[in-house]
PDB file of N, CA and C in Angstrom:
ATOM      1  N   MET A   1       0.724  -1.094  -0.155  1.00  0.00           N
ATOM      2  CA  MET A   1       0.237   0.092   0.236  1.00  0.00           C
ATOM      3  C   MET A   1       0.869   1.147  -0.351  1.00  0.00           C
ATOM      4  N   LYS A   2       0.442   2.654  -0.921  1.00  0.00           N
ATOM      5  CA  LYS A   2       1.099   3.320  -0.803  1.00  0.00           C
ATOM      6  C   LYS A   2       0.869   4.130   0.643  1.00  0.00           C
ATOM      7  N   ARG A   3       1.814   4.835   0.161  1.00  0.00           N
ATOM      8  CA  ARG A   3       2.036   5.897   1.856  1.00  0.00           C
ATOM      9  C   ARG A   3       1.515   7.491   1.465  1.00  0.00           C
ATOM     10  N   LYS A   4       1.274   7.780   2.643  1.00  0.00           N
ATOM     11  CA  LYS A   4       0.833   8.922   2.081  1.00  0.00           C
ATOM     12  C   LYS A   4       1.538  10.305   3.060  1.00  0.00           C
ATOM     13  N   VAL A   5       1.256  11.699   2.676  1.00  0.00           N
ATOM     14  CA  VAL A   5       2.303  12.600   3.273  1.00  0.00           C
ATOM     15  C   VAL A   5       1.332  13.119   4.336  1.00  0.00           C
ATOM     16  N   PRO A   6       2.479  12.718   5.439  1.00  0.00           N
ATOM     17  CA  PRO A   6       2.001  12.710   6.787  1.00  0.00           C
ATOM     18  C   PRO A   6       1.663  14.347   6.735  1.00  0.00           C
ATOM     19  N   GLU A   7       1.404  14.950   8.012  1.00  0.00           N
ATOM     20  CA  GLU A   7       1.137  16.698   8.496  1.00  0.00           C
ATOM     21  C   GLU A   7       2.416  16.968   9.010  1.00  0.00           C
ATOM     22  N   PHE A   8       3.105  18.356   8.818  1.00  0.00           N
ATOM     23  CA  PHE A   8       4.371  18.490   9.198  1.00  0.00           C
ATOM     24  C   PHE A   8       3.701  20.019  10.244  1.00  0.00           C
ATOM     25  N   LYS A   9       3.914  20.007  11.866  1.00  0.00           N
ATOM     26  CA  LYS A   9       4.256  20.971  12.409  1.00  0.00           C
ATOM     27  C   LYS A   9       5.775  21.825  12.140  1.00  0.00           C
ATOM     28  N   THR A  10       7.096  21.865  11.217  1.00  0.00           N
ATOM     29  CA  THR A  10       7.744  22.947  11.710  1.00  0.00           C
ATOM     30  C   THR A  10       8.558  22.246   9.693  1.00  0.00           C
ATOM     31  N   ASP A  11       8.609  23.756   9.213  1.00  0.00           N
ATOM     32  CA  ASP A  11       9.647  23.129   8.308  1.00  0.00           C
ATOM     33  C   ASP A  11      10.924  22.662   8.174  1.00  0.00           C
ATOM     34  N   GLU A  12      11.500  21.672   9.481  1.00  0.00           N
ATOM     35  CA  GLU A  12      12.845  21.276   9.969  1.00  0.00           C
ATOM     36  C   GLU A  12      11.285  19.743   9.336  1.00  0.00           C
ATOM     37  N   GLU A  13      10.647  19.369   9.837  1.00  0.00           N
ATOM     38  CA  GLU A  13       9.890  17.990   9.466  1.00  0.00           C
ATOM     39  C   GLU A  13       9.088  17.903   8.222  1.00  0.00           C
ATOM     40  N   ALA A  14       9.306  18.978   6.974  1.00  0.00           N
ATOM     41  CA  ALA A  14       9.238  18.989   6.184  1.00  0.00           C
ATOM     42  C   ALA A  14      10.560  18.276   5.389  1.00  0.00           C
ATOM     43  N   ALA A  15      11.161  19.187   5.566  1.00  0.00           N
ATOM     44  CA  ALA A  15      13.076  18.926   4.929  1.00  0.00           C
ATOM     45  C   ALA A  15      13.500  18.072   4.789  1.00  0.00           C
ATOM     46  N   ALA A  16      12.970  17.331   6.834  1.00  0.00           N
ATOM     47  CA  ALA A  16      13.944  15.621   7.288  1.00  0.00           C
ATOM     48  C   ALA A  16      12.945  14.630   5.692  1.00  0.00           C
ATOM     49  N   PHE A  17      11.584  14.905   5.989  1.00  0.00           N
ATOM     50  CA  PHE A  17      10.653  13.654   5.341  1.00  0.00           C
ATOM     51  C   PHE A  17      11.525  13.617   3.911  1.00  0.00           C
ATOM     52  N   LEU A  18      11.610  15.112   2.967  1.00  0.00           N
ATOM     53  CA  LEU A  18      12.303  15.385   1.635  1.00  0.00           C
ATOM     54  C   LEU A  18      13.289  14.652   1.361  1.00  0.00           C
ATOM     55  N   ASP A  19      14.394  14.398   2.508  1.00  0.00           N
ATOM     56  CA  ASP A  19      15.302  13.652   2.260  1.00  0.00           C
ATOM     57  C   ASP A  19      15.378  13.020   2.584  1.00  0.00           C
ATOM     58  N   GLN A  20      13.773  11.808   2.666  1.00  0.00           N
ATOM     59  CA  GLN A  20      13.825  10.112   2.252  1.00  0.00           C
ATOM     60  C   GLN A  20      13.775   9.849   0.712  1.00  0.00           C
ATOM     61  N   ASP A  21      13.674   8.005   1.034  1.00  0.00           N
ATOM     62  CA  ASP A  21      12.594   7.887  -0.343  1.00  0.00           C
ATOM     63  C   ASP A  21      11.365   7.921  -0.848  1.00  0.00           C
ATOM     64  N   LEU A  22      10.584   8.870  -1.692  1.00  0.00           N
ATOM     65  CA  LEU A  22       9.251   8.878  -1.615  1.00  0.00           C
ATOM     66  C   LEU A  22       8.584   8.074  -2.625  1.00  0.00           C
ATOM     67  N   SER A  23       9.493   7.342  -3.307  1.00  0.00           N
ATOM     68  CA  SER A  23       9.319   6.060  -4.415  1.00  0.00           C
ATOM     69  C   SER A  23       8.352   5.979  -3.894  1.00  0.00           C
ATOM     70  N   ASP A  24       8.089   6.144  -2.788  1.00  0.00           N
ATOM     71  CA  ASP A  24       6.577   4.566  -2.010  1.00  0.00           C
ATOM     72  C   ASP A  24       5.304   5.662  -1.886  1.00  0.00           C
ATOM     73  N   LEU A  25       5.732   7.248  -2.218  1.00  0.00           N
ATOM     74  CA  LEU A  25       4.176   7.914  -2.219  1.00  0.00           C
ATOM     75  C   LEU A  25       2.631   7.376  -3.133  1.00  0.00           C
ATOM     76  N   ASP A  26       1.848   7.501  -2.388  1.00  0.00           N
ATOM     77  CA  ASP A  26       0.661   7.856  -2.821  1.00  0.00           C
ATOM     78  C   ASP A  26       0.483   9.503  -3.147  1.00  0.00           C
ATOM     79  N   PHE A  27       0.944   9.306  -5.566  1.00  0.00           N
ATOM     80  CA  PHE A  27       0.716  10.719  -5.917  1.00  0.00           C
ATOM     81  C   PHE A  27      -0.181  11.214  -6.234  1.00  0.00           C
ATOM     82  N   ARG A  28      -1.945  10.359  -7.077  1.00  0.00           N
ATOM     83  CA  ARG A  28      -3.179  10.993  -6.381  1.00  0.00           C
ATOM     84  C   ARG A  28      -3.546  11.493  -5.097  1.00  0.00           C
ATOM     85  N   GLN A  29      -2.722  11.960  -4.435  1.00  0.00           N
ATOM     86  CA  GLN A  29      -2.942  12.352  -2.787  1.00  0.00           C
ATOM     87  C   GLN A  29      -2.693  14.589  -3.401  1.00  0.00           C
ATOM     88  N   PHE A  30      -1.805  14.473  -4.693  1.00  0.00           N
ATOM     89  CA  PHE A  30      -1.421  15.164  -4.736  1.00  0.00           C
ATOM     90  C   PHE A  30      -2.153  16.107  -5.826  1.00  0.00           C
ATOM     91  N   LYS A  31      -2.612  17.905  -5.501  1.00  0.00           N
ATOM     92  CA  LYS A  31      -2.848  18.297  -6.338  1.00  0.00           C
ATOM     93  C   LYS A  31      -2.364  19.716  -6.889  1.00  0.00           C
ATOM     94  N   PRO A  32      -2.586  19.841  -8.897  1.00  0.00           N
ATOM     95  CA  PRO A  32      -2.193  21.037  -9.150  1.00  0.00           C
ATOM     96  C   PRO A  32      -1.985  21.815  -8.104  1.00  0.00           C
ATOM     97  N   ALA A  33      -0.282  22.638  -8.534  1.00  0.00           N
ATOM     98  CA  ALA A  33      -0.394  24.473  -8.016  1.00  0.00           C
ATOM     99  C   ALA A  33      -0.694  25.784  -8.903  1.00  0.00           C
ATOM    100  N   HIS A  34      -1.851  26.183  -8.505  1.00  0.00           N
ATOM    101  CA  HIS A  34      -1.005  27.660  -9.339  1.00  0.00           C
ATOM    102  C   HIS A  34      -0.260  28.691  -8.608  1.00  0.00           C
ATOM    103  N   PHE A  35       0.624  29.168  -9.809  1.00  0.00           N
ATOM    104  CA  PHE A  35       1.560  30.225  -9.378  1.00  0.00           C
ATOM    105  C   PHE A  35       1.303  31.327  -9.939  1.00  0.00           C
ATOM    106  N   GLU A  36       1.240  32.182  -8.970  1.00  0.00           N
ATOM    107  CA  GLU A  36       0.987  33.846  -9.957  1.00  0.00           C
ATOM    108  C   GLU A  36       1.766  34.343 -10.264  1.00  0.00           C
ATOM    109  N   PHE A  37       2.260  34.400 -11.451  1.00  0.00           N
ATOM    110  CA  PHE A  37       3.917  34.972 -11.117  1.00  0.00           C
ATOM    111  C   PHE A  37       3.905  36.959 -11.998  1.00  0.00           C
ATOM    112  N   GLU A  38       2.993  37.095 -12.716  1.00  0.00           N
ATOM    113  CA  GLU A  38       2.474  38.374 -13.037  1.00  0.00           C
ATOM    114  C   GLU A  38       2.834  39.402 -12.701  1.00  0.00           C
ATOM    115  N   LYS A  39       2.710  40.387 -12.538  1.00  0.00           N
ATOM    116  CA  LYS A  39       2.874  41.511 -11.565  1.00  0.00           C
ATOM    117  C   LYS A  39       1.515  42.507 -11.697  1.00  0.00           C
ATOM    118  N   LYS A  40       0.770  41.979 -10.365  1.00  0.00           N
ATOM    119  CA  LYS A  40      -0.559  42.871 -11.124  1.00  0.00           C
ATOM    120  C   LYS A  40      -0.739  44.672 -10.474  1.00  0.00           C
ATOM    121  N   GLU A  41       0.006  44.789 -11.971  1.00  0.00           N
ATOM    122  CA  GLU A  41      -0.216  46.826 -11.930  1.00  0.00           C
ATOM    123  C   GLU A  41      -1.452  46.805 -12.265  1.00  0.00           C
ATOM    124  N   ALA A  42      -2.472  46.853 -12.083  1.00  0.00           N
ATOM    125  CA  ALA A  42      -3.897  47.476 -12.386  1.00  0.00           C
ATOM    126  C   ALA A  42      -5.142  46.722 -11.443  1.00  0.00           C
ATOM    127  N   GLN A  43      -5.946  47.749 -11.148  1.00  0.00           N
ATOM    128  CA  GLN A  43      -7.295  47.489  -9.634  1.00  0.00           C
ATOM    129  C   GLN A  43      -8.029  47.413 -10.469  1.00  0.00           C
ATOM    130  N   ILE A  44      -9.295  47.086 -10.139  1.00  0.00           N
ATOM    131  CA  ILE A  44     -10.565  47.625  -9.973  1.00  0.00           C
ATOM    132  C   ILE A  44     -11.469  47.464  -9.110  1.00  0.00           C
ATOM    133  N   ASN A  45     -12.846  48.472  -9.274  1.00  0.00           N
ATOM    134  CA  ASN A  45     -13.301  47.842  -8.053  1.00  0.00           C
ATOM    135  C   ASN A  45     -15.080  48.156  -8.652  1.00  0.00           C
ATOM    136  N   MET A  46     -15.840  47.560  -8.334  1.00  0.00           N
ATOM    137  CA  MET A  46     -17.159  47.235  -8.715  1.00  0.00           C
ATOM    138  C   MET A  46     -17.820  46.736  -7.362  1.00  0.00           C
ATOM    139  N   ARG A  47     -19.006  46.622  -7.752  1.00  0.00           N
ATOM    140  CA  ARG A  47     -19.939  46.803  -6.936  1.00  0.00           C
ATOM    141  C   ARG A  47     -21.141  45.441  -7.354  1.00  0.00           C
ATOM    142  N   MET A  48     -21.695  45.106  -6.568  1.00  0.00           N
ATOM    143  CA  MET A  48     -22.088  43.762  -6.971  1.00  0.00           C
ATOM    144  C   MET A  48     -23.107  42.944  -5.043  1.00  0.00           C
ATOM    145  N   PRO A  49     -24.310  42.188  -5.521  1.00  0.00           N
ATOM    146  CA  PRO A  49     -25.513  42.221  -4.475  1.00  0.00           C
ATOM    147  C   PRO A  49     -24.328  41.596  -3.925  1.00  0.00           C
ATOM    148  N   LYS A  50     -24.939  41.991  -2.703  1.00  0.00           N
ATOM    149  CA  LYS A  50     -24.332  41.023  -1.130  1.00  0.00           C
ATOM    150  C   LYS A  50     -24.276  39.717  -1.323  1.00  0.00           C
ATOM    151  N   SER A  51     -25.526  39.061  -1.481  1.00  0.00           N
ATOM    152  CA  SER A  51     -25.465  38.081  -1.581  1.00  0.00           C
ATOM    153  C   SER A  51     -24.714  37.084  -2.802  1.00  0.00           C
ATOM    154  N   LEU A  52     -24.397  38.329  -4.226  1.00  0.00           N
ATOM    155  CA  LEU A  52     -22.988  37.889  -4.440  1.00  0.00           C
ATOM    156  C   LEU A  52     -22.317  37.128  -3.881  1.00  0.00           C
ATOM    157  N   LEU A  53     -21.316  38.247  -3.662  1.00  0.00           N
ATOM    158  CA  LEU A  53     -20.814  38.613  -2.837  1.00  0.00           C
ATOM    159  C   LEU A  53     -20.263  37.132  -1.457  1.00  0.00           C
ATOM    160  N   ASP A  54     -21.318  37.026  -0.776  1.00  0.00           N
ATOM    161  CA  ASP A  54     -21.228  35.832  -0.527  1.00  0.00           C
ATOM    162  C   ASP A  54     -20.539  34.759  -0.658  1.00  0.00           C
ATOM    163  N   ALA A  55     -21.487  34.383  -1.989  1.00  0.00           N
ATOM    164  CA  ALA A  55     -21.252  32.885  -1.723  1.00  0.00           C
ATOM    165  C   ALA A  55     -19.762  33.130  -2.896  1.00  0.00           C
ATOM    166  N   VAL A  56     -19.486  34.563  -3.359  1.00  0.00           N
ATOM    167  CA  VAL A  56     -18.197  34.232  -3.854  1.00  0.00           C
ATOM    168  C   VAL A  56     -17.131  33.478  -2.822  1.00  0.00           C
ATOM    169  N   LYS A  57     -17.077  34.439  -1.484  1.00  0.00           N
ATOM    170  CA  LYS A  57     -16.713  34.184  -0.431  1.00  0.00           C
ATOM    171  C   LYS A  57     -17.116  32.204  -0.052  1.00  0.00           C
ATOM    172  N   ARG A  58     -17.382  32.498  -0.087  1.00  0.00           N
ATOM    173  CA  ARG A  58     -18.104  30.845   0.184  1.00  0.00           C
ATOM    174  C   ARG A  58     -17.318  29.972  -0.305  1.00  0.00           C
ATOM    175  N   ARG A  59     -18.021  29.808  -1.391  1.00  0.00           N
ATOM    176  CA  ARG A  59     -16.514  28.414  -3.170  1.00  0.00           C
ATOM    177  C   ARG A  59     -15.066  29.414  -2.706  1.00  0.00           C
ATOM    178  N   SER A  60     -14.887  30.880  -2.329  1.00  0.00           N
ATOM    179  CA  SER A  60     -13.207  30.659  -2.327  1.00  0.00           C
ATOM    180  C   SER A  60     -12.660  30.074  -0.708  1.00  0.00           C
ATOM    181  N   ALA A  61     -13.715  30.641  -0.060  1.00  0.00           N
ATOM    182  CA  ALA A  61     -13.288  29.787   1.115  1.00  0.00           C
ATOM    183  C   ALA A  61     -12.780  28.031   1.414  1.00  0.00           C
ATOM    184  N   ALA A  62     -13.575  27.565   0.993  1.00  0.00           N
ATOM    185  CA  ALA A  62     -14.098  25.967   0.220  1.00  0.00           C
ATOM    186  C   ALA A  62     -12.943  25.394  -0.871  1.00  0.00           C
ATOM    187  N   ARG A  63     -11.852  26.315  -1.187  1.00  0.00           N
ATOM    188  CA  ARG A  63     -10.997  26.212  -1.829  1.00  0.00           C
ATOM    189  C   ARG A  63      -9.975  26.732  -1.146  1.00  0.00           C
ATOM    190  N   ARG A  64      -9.949  27.147  -0.113  1.00  0.00           N
ATOM    191  CA  ARG A  64      -9.456  27.745   0.882  1.00  0.00           C
ATOM    192  C   ARG A  64      -8.080  29.220  -0.327  1.00  0.00           C
ATOM    193  N   ILE A  65      -9.148  29.466  -0.576  1.00  0.00           N
ATOM    194  CA  ILE A  65      -7.870  30.758  -1.619  1.00  0.00           C
ATOM    195  C   ILE A  65      -8.904  31.777  -1.218  1.00  0.00           C
ATOM    196  N   PRO A  66      -8.079  33.215  -1.699  1.00  0.00           N
ATOM    197  CA  PRO A  66      -8.445  34.562  -1.286  1.00  0.00           C
ATOM    198  C   PRO A  66      -9.167  34.790  -2.223  1.00  0.00           C
ATOM    199  N   TYR A  67     -10.434  35.254  -1.621  1.00  0.00           N
ATOM    200  CA  TYR A  67     -12.152  35.465  -2.608  1.00  0.00           C
ATOM    201  C   TYR A  67     -11.480  36.672  -4.166  1.00  0.00           C
ATOM    202  N   THR A  68     -10.570  37.386  -3.938  1.00  0.00           N
ATOM    203  CA  THR A  68     -10.156  37.915  -4.406  1.00  0.00           C
ATOM    204  C   THR A  68      -9.393  37.505  -6.179  1.00  0.00           C
ATOM    205  N   ARG A  69      -8.390  36.370  -5.343  1.00  0.00           N
ATOM    206  CA  ARG A  69      -8.091  35.295  -6.242  1.00  0.00           C
ATOM    207  C   ARG A  69      -8.353  34.560  -7.129  1.00  0.00           C
ATOM    208  N   PHE A  70     -10.164  34.071  -6.181  1.00  0.00           N
ATOM    209  CA  PHE A  70     -11.192  33.690  -7.116  1.00  0.00           C
ATOM    210  C   PHE A  70     -11.710  33.895  -7.859  1.00  0.00           C
ATOM    211  N   ILE A  71     -11.990  35.221  -8.311  1.00  0.00           N
ATOM    212  CA  ILE A  71     -12.499  36.555  -8.753  1.00  0.00           C
ATOM    213  C   ILE A  71     -12.081  36.498 -10.372  1.00  0.00           C
ATOM    214  N   ARG A  72     -10.383  36.503  -9.547  1.00  0.00           N
ATOM    215  CA  ARG A  72      -9.530  36.789 -10.553  1.00  0.00           C
ATOM    216  C   ARG A  72      -9.239  35.545 -11.681  1.00  0.00           C
ATOM    217  N   GLU A  73      -9.581  34.262 -10.974  1.00  0.00           N
ATOM    218  CA  GLU A  73      -9.484  32.641 -12.112  1.00  0.00           C
ATOM    219  C   GLU A  73     -10.694  33.006 -12.479  1.00  0.00           C
ATOM    220  N   ALA A  74     -11.467  33.237 -12.265  1.00  0.00           N
ATOM    221  CA  ALA A  74     -13.509  33.201 -12.758  1.00  0.00           C
ATOM    222  C   ALA A  74     -12.982  34.263 -13.917  1.00  0.00           C
ATOM    223  N   LEU A  75     -12.973  34.767 -13.490  1.00  0.00           N
ATOM    224  CA  LEU A  75     -12.352  35.781 -15.201  1.00  0.00           C
ATOM    225  C   LEU A  75     -11.520  35.137 -16.303  1.00  0.00           C
ATOM    226  N   GLU A  76     -10.224  34.731 -15.536  1.00  0.00           N
ATOM    227  CA  GLU A  76      -9.061  33.658 -16.698  1.00  0.00           C
ATOM    228  C   GLU A  76      -9.749  33.347 -17.201  1.00  0.00           C
ATOM    229  N   LYS A  77     -10.960  32.159 -16.654  1.00  0.00           N
ATOM    230  CA  LYS A  77     -11.408  30.729 -17.775  1.00  0.00           C
ATOM    231  C   LYS A  77     -12.293  31.573 -18.329  1.00  0.00           C
ATOM    232  N   ALA A  78     -12.879  32.946 -17.307  1.00  0.00           N
ATOM    233  CA  ALA A  78     -14.188  33.329 -18.581  1.00  0.00           C
ATOM    234  C   ALA A  78     -13.500  33.993 -19.578  1.00  0.00           C
ATOM    235  N   LEU A  79     -12.306  34.107 -19.978  1.00  0.00           N
ATOM    236  CA  LEU A  79     -11.863  34.272 -21.008  1.00  0.00           C
ATOM    237  C   LEU A  79     -10.973  33.494 -22.130  1.00  0.00           C
ATOM    238  N   ALA A  80     -10.716  32.571 -21.284  1.00  0.00           N
ATOM    239  CA  ALA A  80      -9.709  31.284 -21.815  1.00  0.00           C
ATOM    240  C   ALA A  80     -10.475  30.528 -23.316  1.00  0.00           C
ATOM    241  N   THR A  81     -12.205  30.310 -22.422  1.00  0.00           N
ATOM    242  CA  THR A  81     -12.936  29.788 -23.317  1.00  0.00           C
ATOM    243  C   THR A  81     -13.711  30.904 -24.615  1.00  0.00           C
ATOM    244  N   PRO A  82     -13.659  30.288 -25.056  1.00  0.00           N
ATOM    245  CA  PRO A  82     -13.837  30.739 -26.665  1.00  0.00           C
ATOM    246  C   PRO A  82     -15.285  30.971 -26.776  1.00  0.00           C
ATOM    247  N   ALA A  83     -16.238  32.531 -26.916  1.00  0.00           N
ATOM    248  CA  ALA A  83     -16.882  32.545 -27.111  1.00  0.00           C
ATOM    249  C   ALA A  83     -18.100  32.342 -27.630  1.00  0.00           C
ATOM    250  N   ARG A  84     -19.565  32.522 -27.015  1.00  0.00           N
ATOM    251  CA  ARG A  84     -20.197  31.632 -28.326  1.00  0.00           C
ATOM    252  C   ARG A  84     -20.664  32.983 -29.411  1.00  0.00           C
ATOM    253  N   ARG A  85     -21.092  32.434 -30.501  1.00  0.00           N
ATOM    254  CA  ARG A  85     -22.046  33.194 -31.691  1.00  0.00           C
ATOM    255  C   ARG A  85     -23.426  33.396 -30.916  1.00  0.00           C
ATOM    256  N   ARG A  86     -23.726  33.980 -31.215  1.00  0.00           N
ATOM    257  CA  ARG A  86     -25.278  34.313 -30.285  1.00  0.00           C
ATOM    258  C   ARG A  86     -26.816  34.757 -31.834  1.00  0.00           C
TER     259      ARG A  86
END
């Protein structure tokens, strides 16, 4: 049976874990990580219904990311999808 990565309380514990043979780890437990390298140079201010913002905050909290990043990801995803013709 494959091993799972334990939870670490310190950076030293994590570093020590990485010093061993990791070939028997269950890699299905890992999730892709999204890194943002592009500098944020522009800013927007928008008004929306409180219920919509509350829903955004709940969804972002479930993903454990800031709600502003969640909104930015939603915009990026909408722009990456080809526009439909009407």
